[in-house]
Amino acid sequence: MKTSGFREWGKRFAARGSILVFFIMAFEVMIMISPFAFFFYSVFNPIFHWLDAYPATRWLTHFFLPHMILPPNLTLKIIRISGSVLFVIGCTAFIICALQVYLGKIFKRGIANRGIYRFVRHPQYSSLGIWGVGMAILWPRFIVLATLSMMFFLYYFLAKDEEKRMVIQYGDSYREYMRNTGMFLPKIWGDTSIVPAPVNLFHPKKIFALLSVMAVVIGAGFVCRSVTLNSLQLKSKDNITLVSIMPEDIEKDPTILNAIKYGSVGFLNKNNDYLGYEMPVDYIMQGMIANTGAVHHLYKQHHTVQLIIDWVLHPFEHLRRSPSAQMAKMNNIDPAMARRHHCPLGIHNQNMDCNNCKYRRVIFVEVDNPSKKHISREALFGFNTTRIPVGFIDVDTKTGQIINQKRVASKTAWSDVPTPAI
């Protein structure tokens, strides 16, 4: 009996440990803008590099939805908004369910069959699943999807295990409760799992079920990535492809491409392929592309909670808001005045409207691929490519004049951590 009990405890511990992996991967986006970022990456960055080293696993570190680029079409906008909605709903429902369970234990109410539990036997797992889907949209790295699919499967295992113990503890009263409620969703038709059967995770059927869940979830990610890449607003000339961070900037791309001449931009080489990210000069997330200055090292700003709230509750506005405007908003200062005062170009014009600024920054990354052949457009985002920051230019999009250019280090503001390319 002791051996059997220890085995059951071991299974539950392993299942919860696997679920913890998902939470760690999903919370990466929150940790990476906190002062603890490099403590986190000192442990997990070697794992990312190990995955990146092999073609069979390299895709796990890539992204399947836009994270830095404003969604260029309605479909991607709806998906992004859904991520925030599901995140908030999942978190809220989980807190309500947790309070209900623990208050029930404090007041010794027996089976938790009130409130949400009146309709669903495991609403905490349901709410965590909803939260997980939202989080996978908000931080759309493939490894988050892979661990999410495992989490779905393990929730089923843990739920079955709990039901077996509840039947032993409460007997017919819990069986009756099971007859009248659904497992993860409100009951629509008859429930055949009134007497929980032992769950063997290594049974061939269970392994097939796990692989099926992973195929569906990860397959959805590949579909989203295809939609994303086909929706990007790209302009190419010679060996340079521009991608606009802001969809409305696509009209400025021809002027910028015509301004770029070999010899006039010292860090560009006609023998290499380049991807240029076009953005406002004070775009808040440019540190993920290249190390363009300490103001874009978000983990140094000590405003992690506010940045997370802004990222969740303002799906698109947080990308348009510069670091200075963001800090001004937090401190009840006029964002327009703060943005002028902290202009990266050093332009002090009281009449300047930063929301209609004529200047744009283009950060260039050199893209290499195993074939050593020239590639462009969507191919630059491929799983087998390597992107290395080389420099940036600031361009007057009215005149086409390059007013500033600077070579940057070959790493981003997060050093060599794999960061989003889209």
Protein backbone atom coordinates (compact mmCIF):
# COMPACT_ATOMS: atom_id res chain seq x y z
CA MET A 1 0.00 0.00 0.00
CA LYS A 2 2.83 2.39 0.84
CA THR A 3 4.53 1.70 -2.49
CA SER A 4 1.24 2.31 -4.34
CA GLY A 5 0.64 5.52 -2.41
CA PHE A 6 4.14 6.76 -3.13
CA ARG A 7 3.67 5.98 -6.83
CA GLU A 8 0.43 7.97 -6.95
CA TRP A 9 2.09 10.87 -5.15
CA GLY A 10 4.97 10.70 -7.64
CA LYS A 11 2.57 10.87 -10.59
CA ARG A 12 0.81 13.90 -9.15
CA PHE A 13 4.13 15.59 -8.40
CA ALA A 14 5.42 14.93 -11.93
CA ALA A 15 2.17 16.23 -13.46
CA ARG A 16 2.24 19.43 -11.42
CA GLY A 17 5.93 19.86 -12.20
CA SER A 18 5.20 19.63 -15.91
CA ILE A 19 2.46 22.22 -15.55
CA LEU A 20 4.93 24.47 -13.73
CA VAL A 21 7.14 24.39 -16.84
CA PHE A 22 4.31 25.97 -18.82
CA PHE A 23 3.91 28.74 -16.26
CA ILE A 24 7.64 29.47 -16.36
CA MET A 25 7.67 29.64 -20.17
CA ALA A 26 4.51 31.76 -20.29
CA PHE A 27 5.73 34.15 -17.59
CA GLU A 28 8.96 34.79 -19.52
CA VAL A 29 7.49 37.92 -21.06
CA MET A 30 6.72 39.34 -17.61
CA ILE A 31 10.08 38.37 -16.14
CA MET A 32 12.07 39.76 -19.07
CA ILE A 33 10.84 43.31 -18.36
CA SER A 34 11.57 42.97 -14.64
CA PRO A 35 14.85 43.61 -12.77
CA PHE A 36 15.15 39.82 -12.38
CA ALA A 37 15.47 39.22 -16.13
CA PHE A 38 19.10 38.15 -16.18
CA PHE A 39 18.70 35.90 -13.15
CA PHE A 40 15.95 34.14 -15.09
CA TYR A 41 17.95 33.90 -18.30
CA SER A 42 21.07 32.68 -16.52
CA VAL A 43 19.08 29.47 -16.01
CA PHE A 44 16.82 29.30 -19.07
CA ASN A 45 18.83 30.94 -21.84
CA PRO A 46 21.10 27.86 -22.15
CA ILE A 47 17.93 25.84 -22.76
CA PHE A 48 16.88 28.23 -25.55
CA HIS A 49 20.35 28.00 -27.09
CA TRP A 50 20.25 24.22 -26.92
CA LEU A 51 16.89 24.22 -28.73
CA ASP A 52 18.25 26.69 -31.29
CA ALA A 53 21.23 24.44 -32.03
CA TYR A 54 19.17 21.70 -33.72
CA PRO A 55 16.90 22.06 -36.80
CA ALA A 56 14.34 19.67 -35.24
CA THR A 57 13.82 21.92 -32.19
CA ARG A 58 14.79 25.40 -33.43
CA TRP A 59 11.16 26.29 -34.20
CA LEU A 60 10.28 26.08 -30.49
CA THR A 61 12.02 29.39 -29.73
CA HIS A 62 10.30 31.24 -32.59
CA PHE A 63 7.03 33.20 -32.50
CA PHE A 64 3.79 32.44 -34.32
CA LEU A 65 1.93 35.76 -33.90
CA PRO A 66 3.05 39.42 -33.98
CA HIS A 67 4.49 40.65 -30.71
CA MET A 68 6.51 43.72 -31.74
CA ILE A 69 4.61 44.58 -34.90
CA LEU A 70 1.11 46.05 -34.76
CA PRO A 71 -1.28 43.46 -36.26
CA PRO A 72 -1.72 44.56 -39.89
CA ASN A 73 -5.16 43.04 -40.49
CA LEU A 74 -8.48 42.49 -38.73
CA THR A 75 -7.95 38.75 -38.12
CA LEU A 76 -4.70 39.28 -36.22
CA LYS A 77 -6.21 42.22 -34.29
CA ILE A 78 -9.11 40.03 -33.14
CA ILE A 79 -6.70 37.28 -32.06
CA ARG A 80 -4.59 39.78 -30.09
CA ILE A 81 -7.62 41.28 -28.34
CA SER A 82 -8.85 37.75 -27.58
CA GLY A 83 -5.55 37.08 -25.82
CA SER A 84 -6.10 39.93 -23.38
CA VAL A 85 -9.77 39.02 -22.85
CA LEU A 86 -8.99 35.34 -22.15
CA PHE A 87 -6.10 36.30 -19.88
CA VAL A 88 -8.31 38.56 -17.73
CA ILE A 89 -11.27 36.12 -17.68
CA GLY A 90 -9.03 33.17 -16.77
CA CYS A 91 -7.26 35.03 -13.96
CA THR A 92 -10.50 36.40 -12.53
CA ALA A 93 -12.30 33.03 -12.64
CA PHE A 94 -9.35 31.26 -11.04
CA ILE A 95 -9.23 33.71 -8.13
CA ILE A 96 -12.99 33.38 -7.56
CA CYS A 97 -12.78 29.57 -7.62
CA ALA A 98 -9.76 29.51 -5.31
CA LEU A 99 -11.53 31.74 -2.78
CA GLN A 100 -14.61 29.54 -2.93
CA VAL A 101 -12.60 26.35 -2.29
CA TYR A 102 -10.47 27.68 0.53
CA LEU A 103 -13.33 29.48 2.23
CA GLY A 104 -15.26 26.20 2.01
CA LYS A 105 -12.40 24.40 3.73
CA ILE A 106 -12.18 27.06 6.46
CA PHE A 107 -15.91 26.82 7.17
CA LYS A 108 -15.95 23.00 6.64
CA ARG A 109 -18.73 23.01 4.05
CA GLY A 110 -17.79 19.62 2.60
CA ILE A 111 -17.99 19.16 -1.17
CA ALA A 112 -17.42 22.37 -3.10
CA ASN A 113 -20.72 22.41 -5.01
CA ARG A 114 -21.76 26.03 -4.78
CA GLY A 115 -21.23 28.98 -7.10
CA ILE A 116 -19.33 27.98 -10.26
CA TYR A 117 -18.84 24.49 -8.80
CA ARG A 118 -22.58 24.03 -9.07
CA PHE A 119 -22.17 23.66 -12.84
CA VAL A 120 -18.54 22.50 -13.33
CA ARG A 121 -16.52 20.08 -11.21
CA HIS A 122 -13.11 21.55 -12.03
CA PRO A 123 -13.57 25.25 -12.81
CA GLN A 124 -10.09 26.05 -11.51
CA TYR A 125 -8.54 23.88 -14.19
CA SER A 126 -10.93 25.35 -16.77
CA SER A 127 -9.98 28.90 -15.78
CA LEU A 128 -6.27 28.05 -15.86
CA GLY A 129 -6.78 26.59 -19.34
CA ILE A 130 -8.49 29.81 -20.47
CA TRP A 131 -5.70 31.83 -18.88
CA GLY A 132 -3.14 29.61 -20.64
CA VAL A 133 -4.67 30.18 -24.08
CA GLY A 134 -4.68 33.94 -23.44
CA MET A 135 -1.09 33.83 -22.30
CA ALA A 136 -0.03 31.85 -25.38
CA ILE A 137 -1.50 34.62 -27.54
CA LEU A 138 0.13 37.38 -25.51
CA TRP A 139 3.55 35.68 -25.55
CA PRO A 140 3.31 33.60 -28.74
CA ARG A 141 6.50 31.53 -28.58
CA PHE A 142 6.06 27.98 -29.90
CA ILE A 143 7.48 26.45 -26.73
CA VAL A 144 4.59 28.05 -24.84
CA LEU A 145 2.15 26.25 -27.16
CA ALA A 146 3.97 22.94 -26.71
CA THR A 147 3.86 23.16 -22.91
CA LEU A 148 0.25 24.43 -23.05
CA SER A 149 -0.86 21.30 -24.92
CA MET A 150 0.84 19.13 -22.28
CA MET A 151 -0.85 21.18 -19.57
CA PHE A 152 -4.29 20.48 -21.06
CA PHE A 153 -3.61 16.75 -20.97
CA LEU A 154 -2.19 16.81 -17.44
CA TYR A 155 -5.17 18.79 -16.14
CA TYR A 156 -7.37 15.92 -17.26
CA PHE A 157 -5.11 13.46 -15.41
CA LEU A 158 -5.12 15.55 -12.22
CA ALA A 159 -8.89 16.03 -12.40
CA LYS A 160 -9.46 12.26 -12.72
CA ASP A 161 -7.09 11.64 -9.83
CA GLU A 162 -8.92 14.15 -7.63
CA GLU A 163 -12.30 12.64 -8.49
CA LYS A 164 -11.08 9.18 -7.51
CA ARG A 165 -10.03 10.52 -4.12
CA MET A 166 -13.28 12.46 -3.68
CA VAL A 167 -15.36 9.31 -4.33
CA ILE A 168 -13.35 7.49 -1.67
CA GLN A 169 -13.85 10.36 0.77
CA TYR A 170 -17.48 11.33 0.08
CA GLY A 171 -18.94 8.23 -1.60
CA ASP A 172 -22.44 8.45 -3.12
CA SER A 173 -22.81 12.17 -2.48
CA TYR A 174 -19.88 12.90 -4.78
CA ARG A 175 -21.14 10.40 -7.37
CA GLU A 176 -24.46 12.23 -7.41
CA TYR A 177 -22.62 15.53 -7.77
CA MET A 178 -20.75 14.08 -10.77
CA ARG A 179 -24.01 13.01 -12.40
CA ASN A 180 -25.32 16.57 -12.32
CA THR A 181 -22.23 18.52 -13.40
CA GLY A 182 -19.76 18.67 -16.27
CA MET A 183 -16.06 18.05 -15.82
CA PHE A 184 -14.56 21.23 -17.29
CA LEU A 185 -17.61 22.78 -18.96
CA PRO A 186 -21.27 22.94 -17.92
CA LYS A 187 -22.98 19.60 -18.57
CA ILE A 188 -24.89 19.32 -21.84
CA TRP A 189 -25.36 15.57 -22.17
CA GLY A 190 -24.96 12.51 -19.98
CA ASP A 191 -21.65 11.98 -18.20
CA THR A 192 -20.32 8.44 -18.51
CA SER A 193 -17.43 8.97 -16.07
CA ILE A 194 -19.46 8.65 -12.87
CA VAL A 195 -16.98 6.21 -11.35
CA PRO A 196 -13.49 7.53 -12.09
CA ALA A 197 -11.16 4.90 -13.50
CA PRO A 198 -7.43 4.91 -12.71
CA VAL A 199 -5.47 7.03 -15.17
CA ASN A 200 -2.31 5.47 -16.57
CA LEU A 201 -0.33 8.18 -18.32
CA PHE A 202 1.78 5.61 -20.16
CA HIS A 203 -1.11 3.67 -21.65
CA PRO A 204 -0.90 3.73 -25.48
CA LYS A 205 -4.31 5.40 -25.72
CA LYS A 206 -3.22 8.15 -23.34
CA ILE A 207 0.01 8.71 -25.26
CA PHE A 208 -1.97 8.89 -28.51
CA ALA A 209 -4.38 11.38 -26.88
CA LEU A 210 -1.47 13.54 -25.72
CA LEU A 211 0.11 13.54 -29.16
CA SER A 212 -3.25 14.40 -30.72
CA VAL A 213 -3.73 17.37 -28.39
CA MET A 214 -0.21 18.59 -29.12
CA ALA A 215 -0.75 18.21 -32.87
CA VAL A 216 -3.94 20.29 -32.77
CA VAL A 217 -2.56 23.04 -30.51
CA ILE A 218 0.84 23.35 -32.20
CA GLY A 219 -0.78 23.01 -35.64
CA ALA A 220 -2.93 26.03 -34.80
CA GLY A 221 0.30 27.89 -34.05
CA PHE A 222 1.74 27.08 -37.47
CA VAL A 223 -1.49 28.27 -39.11
CA CYS A 224 -1.27 31.55 -37.17
CA ARG A 225 2.38 31.96 -38.16
CA SER A 226 1.51 31.46 -41.82
CA VAL A 227 -1.27 34.06 -41.57
CA THR A 228 1.12 36.45 -39.81
CA LEU A 229 3.95 36.16 -42.33
CA ASN A 230 1.55 36.50 -45.28
CA SER A 231 0.06 39.62 -43.66
CA LEU A 232 3.30 41.50 -43.02
CA GLN A 233 3.68 44.73 -44.94
CA LEU A 234 7.02 44.26 -46.69
CA LYS A 235 8.88 46.35 -49.26
CA SER A 236 12.09 45.18 -50.91
CA LYS A 237 14.88 46.70 -52.95
CA ASP A 238 18.03 44.83 -53.91
CA ASN A 239 19.09 42.92 -50.77
CA ILE A 240 17.10 45.00 -48.27
CA THR A 241 13.56 44.24 -47.07
CA LEU A 242 11.68 46.73 -44.89
CA VAL A 243 8.94 45.71 -42.49
CA SER A 244 6.78 48.42 -40.94
CA ILE A 245 6.14 48.21 -37.19
CA MET A 246 3.18 50.57 -37.65
CA PRO A 247 0.87 49.55 -40.56
CA GLU A 248 0.36 53.15 -41.67
CA ASP A 249 4.10 53.59 -42.28
CA ILE A 250 4.06 51.35 -45.37
CA GLU A 251 3.65 54.46 -47.54
CA LYS A 252 6.99 55.80 -46.26
CA ASP A 253 8.94 52.70 -47.30
CA PRO A 254 9.75 53.79 -50.92
CA THR A 255 11.28 57.06 -49.66
CA ILE A 256 13.39 55.21 -47.12
CA LEU A 257 14.54 52.55 -49.57
CA ASN A 258 15.57 55.24 -52.08
CA ALA A 259 17.54 57.01 -49.34
CA ILE A 260 19.64 53.92 -48.62
CA LYS A 261 22.68 53.85 -50.89
CA TYR A 262 25.70 51.64 -50.44
CA GLY A 263 28.58 53.69 -49.16
CA SER A 264 26.22 56.19 -47.52
CA VAL A 265 25.33 53.68 -44.78
CA GLY A 266 28.61 52.34 -43.48
CA PHE A 267 27.40 49.12 -41.88
CA LEU A 268 25.55 47.75 -44.95
CA ASN A 269 27.23 45.38 -47.39
CA LYS A 270 25.77 44.57 -50.80
CA ASN A 271 26.81 40.92 -50.44
CA ASN A 272 24.57 40.34 -47.38
CA ASP A 273 20.81 40.25 -46.87
CA TYR A 274 19.18 42.71 -44.49
CA LEU A 275 15.85 43.06 -42.75
CA GLY A 276 15.03 46.62 -41.75
CA TYR A 277 12.46 47.35 -39.05
CA GLU A 278 10.87 50.75 -39.68
CA MET A 279 9.46 52.45 -36.56
CA PRO A 280 9.01 55.75 -34.71
CA VAL A 281 12.40 56.84 -33.37
CA ASP A 282 11.21 56.34 -29.78
CA TYR A 283 9.43 53.00 -30.33
CA ILE A 284 9.31 51.35 -26.92
CA MET A 285 10.28 47.78 -27.87
CA GLN A 286 13.21 48.45 -30.21
CA GLY A 287 15.57 46.95 -27.61
CA MET A 288 14.27 43.53 -28.66
CA ILE A 289 15.68 44.11 -32.15
CA ALA A 290 18.98 45.80 -31.26
CA ASN A 291 20.69 47.54 -28.37
CA THR A 292 19.89 51.12 -29.37
CA GLY A 293 20.20 52.68 -25.92
CA ALA A 294 19.53 52.16 -22.22
CA VAL A 295 16.09 53.78 -22.35
CA HIS A 296 14.88 50.71 -24.27
CA HIS A 297 16.22 48.25 -21.69
CA LEU A 298 12.76 47.74 -20.21
CA TYR A 299 14.03 45.50 -17.40
CA LYS A 300 15.95 48.51 -16.03
CA GLN A 301 12.95 50.83 -15.83
CA HIS A 302 11.54 49.43 -12.54
CA HIS A 303 7.97 49.83 -13.73
CA THR A 304 7.27 46.17 -14.42
CA VAL A 305 3.72 46.03 -13.05
CA GLN A 306 2.59 49.14 -14.92
CA LEU A 307 4.15 47.90 -18.16
CA ILE A 308 2.42 44.53 -17.81
CA ILE A 309 -0.95 46.15 -17.14
CA ASP A 310 -0.49 48.42 -20.16
CA TRP A 311 0.52 45.44 -22.32
CA VAL A 312 -2.58 43.42 -21.30
CA LEU A 313 -5.23 46.14 -21.18
CA HIS A 314 -4.04 48.25 -24.14
CA PRO A 315 -3.23 45.66 -26.85
CA PHE A 316 -2.18 48.21 -29.48
CA GLU A 317 -1.64 51.46 -27.63
CA HIS A 318 1.27 50.02 -25.63
CA LEU A 319 3.23 49.61 -28.89
CA ARG A 320 2.61 53.20 -29.96
CA ARG A 321 3.51 54.68 -26.58
CA SER A 322 7.17 55.66 -26.23
CA PRO A 323 9.10 55.05 -22.96
CA SER A 324 8.95 58.74 -22.05
CA ALA A 325 5.22 58.97 -22.81
CA GLN A 326 4.62 55.78 -20.83
CA MET A 327 6.48 57.12 -17.79
CA ALA A 328 4.69 60.47 -18.14
CA LYS A 329 1.32 58.72 -18.14
CA MET A 330 2.24 56.83 -14.97
CA ASN A 331 3.25 60.07 -13.26
CA ASN A 332 0.31 62.20 -14.49
CA ILE A 333 2.49 64.38 -16.73
CA ASP A 334 1.51 65.56 -20.20
CA PRO A 335 2.80 62.72 -22.47
CA ALA A 336 3.17 65.07 -25.45
CA MET A 337 5.46 67.39 -23.47
CA ALA A 338 7.49 64.46 -22.12
CA ARG A 339 7.89 63.00 -25.60
CA ARG A 340 9.20 66.32 -26.98
CA HIS A 341 11.54 66.78 -24.04
CA HIS A 342 13.02 63.29 -24.46
CA CYS A 343 13.25 63.35 -28.26
CA PRO A 344 15.96 60.83 -29.24
CA LEU A 345 16.97 63.09 -32.14
CA GLY A 346 17.54 66.08 -29.86
CA ILE A 347 14.97 68.20 -31.69
CA HIS A 348 13.56 70.87 -29.35
CA ASN A 349 10.60 72.31 -31.22
CA GLN A 350 7.67 73.54 -29.14
CA ASN A 351 5.36 73.18 -32.14
CA MET A 352 6.42 69.63 -32.98
CA ASP A 353 3.62 67.06 -33.05
CA CYS A 354 5.26 63.76 -32.10
CA ASN A 355 2.16 61.82 -33.16
CA ASN A 356 2.80 62.97 -36.73
CA CYS A 357 6.59 62.95 -36.64
CA LYS A 358 8.22 62.89 -40.08
CA TYR A 359 11.27 61.01 -38.84
CA ARG A 360 11.53 57.24 -38.73
CA ARG A 361 14.18 54.91 -37.37
CA VAL A 362 15.18 51.82 -39.33
CA ILE A 363 17.03 49.12 -37.40
CA PHE A 364 18.89 46.70 -39.66
CA VAL A 365 19.60 43.07 -38.88
CA GLU A 366 21.82 40.99 -41.12
CA VAL A 367 20.13 37.72 -42.06
CA ASP A 368 22.16 34.62 -42.76
CA ASN A 369 20.91 31.22 -43.88
CA PRO A 370 22.56 27.80 -44.44
CA SER A 371 22.07 27.88 -48.21
CA LYS A 372 24.21 31.03 -48.49
CA LYS A 373 21.87 32.17 -51.28
CA HIS A 374 20.19 35.57 -51.28
CA ILE A 375 16.74 35.58 -49.67
CA SER A 376 14.19 38.33 -49.09
CA ARG A 377 10.74 39.16 -47.74
CA GLU A 378 9.02 36.32 -45.76
CA ALA A 379 12.03 34.02 -46.16
CA LEU A 380 14.00 36.33 -43.86
CA PHE A 381 11.85 35.15 -40.94
CA GLY A 382 12.46 31.44 -41.57
CA PHE A 383 13.30 28.99 -38.80
CA ASN A 384 16.70 28.28 -40.34
CA THR A 385 17.84 31.90 -40.53
CA THR A 386 20.09 33.81 -38.15
CA ARG A 387 19.44 37.51 -37.54
CA ILE A 388 22.25 39.71 -36.22
CA PRO A 389 21.77 43.43 -35.42
CA VAL A 390 24.18 45.67 -37.32
CA GLY A 391 22.98 49.27 -36.94
CA PHE A 392 20.24 51.84 -37.38
CA ILE A 393 19.53 55.01 -39.33
CA ASP A 394 17.15 57.89 -38.67
CA VAL A 395 15.48 59.20 -41.83
CA ASP A 396 13.48 62.30 -42.69
CA THR A 397 10.65 60.64 -44.60
CA LYS A 398 9.69 63.93 -46.27
CA THR A 399 13.07 64.63 -47.85
CA GLY A 400 14.69 61.20 -47.76
CA GLN A 401 17.68 62.58 -45.86
CA ILE A 402 19.51 60.26 -43.47
CA ILE A 403 20.16 62.49 -40.47
CA ASN A 404 21.78 59.90 -38.22
CA GLN A 405 23.34 56.47 -38.49
CA LYS A 406 24.96 54.25 -35.89
CA ARG A 407 26.49 50.82 -35.79
CA VAL A 408 25.27 48.66 -32.88
CA ALA A 409 26.53 45.57 -31.08
CA SER A 410 25.68 42.15 -32.50
CA LYS A 411 23.34 41.45 -29.58
CA THR A 412 20.02 42.92 -28.46
CA ALA A 413 19.30 44.75 -25.21
CA TRP A 414 18.70 41.27 -23.76
CA SER A 415 22.12 40.06 -24.91
CA ASP A 416 21.83 36.80 -26.89
CA VAL A 417 18.37 35.78 -25.63
CA PRO A 418 16.13 34.71 -28.56
CA THR A 419 13.68 37.59 -28.99
CA PRO A 420 10.69 38.02 -31.33
CA ALA A 421 11.32 38.64 -35.01
CA ILE A 422 7.72 39.71 -35.67
